[in-house]
Amino acid sequence: MLDAARAGIGIAWLPEHLLTADLLRGRLKRVLIDWSSPETPVHAVYPTARHLSPKVSAFVEVLRKEFSATAVAAG
């Protein structure tokens, strides 16, 4: 859908984090400015934090930063 929208074939309803760069560069534009989809929560499920591996901890932090940055940009 993203490729089709970039090619000018139509419109697409996609997660904001996939569109941010295209919107900022002007490759895509919003067409339904007054409409937005309901928020969808994102959950990271992992074993207890007591024995959390550094890799999992780093990944969860990347998710937290990415999705909170997207939420701020969309607001």
Protein backbone atom coordinates (compact mmCIF):
# COMPACT_ATOMS: atom_id res chain seq x y z
CA MET A 1 0.00 0.00 0.00
CA LEU A 2 2.84 2.36 0.79
CA ASP A 3 4.48 1.77 -2.57
CA ALA A 4 1.15 2.35 -4.32
CA ALA A 5 0.63 5.64 -2.48
CA ARG A 6 4.17 6.74 -3.31
CA ALA A 7 3.50 5.92 -6.97
CA GLY A 8 0.37 8.09 -6.92
CA ILE A 9 -1.99 5.16 -7.50
CA GLY A 10 -4.28 5.99 -4.57
CA ILE A 11 -4.54 6.67 -0.89
CA ALA A 12 -3.43 4.42 1.94
CA TRP A 13 -4.30 4.03 5.60
CA LEU A 14 -1.06 2.98 7.26
CA PRO A 15 0.63 3.35 10.65
CA GLU A 16 2.05 6.84 11.13
CA HIS A 17 5.56 5.59 11.89
CA LEU A 18 5.77 4.15 8.36
CA LEU A 19 4.81 7.48 6.79
CA THR A 20 6.70 10.06 8.83
CA ALA A 21 9.74 10.37 6.52
CA ASP A 22 7.57 10.53 3.37
CA LEU A 23 5.32 13.18 4.94
CA LEU A 24 8.28 15.29 6.07
CA ARG A 25 9.94 15.09 2.63
CA GLY A 26 6.72 15.90 0.81
CA ARG A 27 6.53 12.57 -1.04
CA LEU A 28 3.13 11.96 0.55
CA LYS A 29 0.50 14.30 1.94
CA ARG A 30 -2.45 13.89 4.23
CA VAL A 31 -5.79 13.99 2.46
CA LEU A 32 -8.20 13.44 5.36
CA ILE A 33 -6.69 15.98 7.73
CA ASP A 34 -9.64 16.14 10.14
CA TRP A 35 -9.86 12.34 10.51
CA SER A 36 -7.66 9.94 12.40
CA SER A 37 -8.01 6.31 13.31
CA PRO A 38 -8.54 5.29 16.92
CA GLU A 39 -5.32 4.79 18.86
CA THR A 40 -4.15 1.21 19.04
CA PRO A 41 -2.09 0.25 22.07
CA VAL A 42 1.21 -1.52 21.55
CA HIS A 43 2.41 -4.02 24.13
CA ALA A 44 5.85 -5.52 24.58
CA VAL A 45 5.53 -8.84 26.38
CA TYR A 46 8.64 -10.27 27.98
CA PRO A 47 9.64 -12.29 31.05
CA THR A 48 10.04 -10.62 34.42
CA ALA A 49 12.32 -7.58 34.45
CA ARG A 50 14.38 -9.10 37.25
CA HIS A 51 16.35 -11.25 34.77
CA LEU A 52 15.83 -9.13 31.66
CA SER A 53 18.64 -9.46 29.13
CA PRO A 54 20.35 -6.24 27.99
CA LYS A 55 19.23 -6.93 24.40
CA VAL A 56 15.56 -7.17 25.36
CA SER A 57 15.84 -4.12 27.59
CA ALA A 58 17.45 -2.10 24.76
CA PHE A 59 14.79 -3.24 22.27
CA VAL A 60 11.93 -2.28 24.58
CA GLU A 61 13.52 1.14 25.08
CA VAL A 62 13.79 1.63 21.29
CA LEU A 63 10.10 0.74 20.95
CA ARG A 64 9.18 3.13 23.74
CA LYS A 65 11.08 6.01 22.15
CA GLU A 66 9.85 5.30 18.62
CA PHE A 67 6.19 5.04 19.50
CA SER A 68 6.21 7.97 21.91
CA ALA A 69 7.94 10.14 19.27
CA THR A 70 5.34 9.12 16.70
CA ALA A 71 2.52 9.94 19.12
CA VAL A 72 4.00 13.40 19.76
CA ALA A 73 4.45 14.05 16.03
CA ALA A 74 0.87 12.97 15.29
CA GLY A 75 -0.63 15.07 18.09
